């Protein structure tokens, strides 16, 4: 189960809406071993694509060094889908390299940049196997 604060959900959704029609992506780091997402880190989608996201390799290296210095890990890896449901694609699964992370997807397909309904779902992706998990908002 992903336990996450409402302000972090709001930040992910706001980022997804701001980057629409391109996919948004980022990380929420947390203390190593805690499984508690605390620090919101929006990233730039280097692919600048409505159907694909990619972290810039230099930005990712900087992020991992920063997390290392802070004794943090990527608790949540998130991105948006702009035209499809909030479910991992084959590409998403192939890029899922953090077995302890929660992979969060938000879909902006219905409202784009506007306020309104959105899908927000969380998954564990380990060895290519997708498992949807409950989200507990605190």
Foldseek 3Di string as FASTA:
>chain_A
DQEAAPVLVVVQVLQCLVLPLAKWWFFFKDAPPPLYGDRTGTADQPVSHNADGDGDPVVVVVVVVVCVVVNIDGQEIEMEHEADAFDDDQVNLVPPDDQNHKYWYKYNPPPRNDDDDIDIWIWGRDPNDTDTDDYHYD
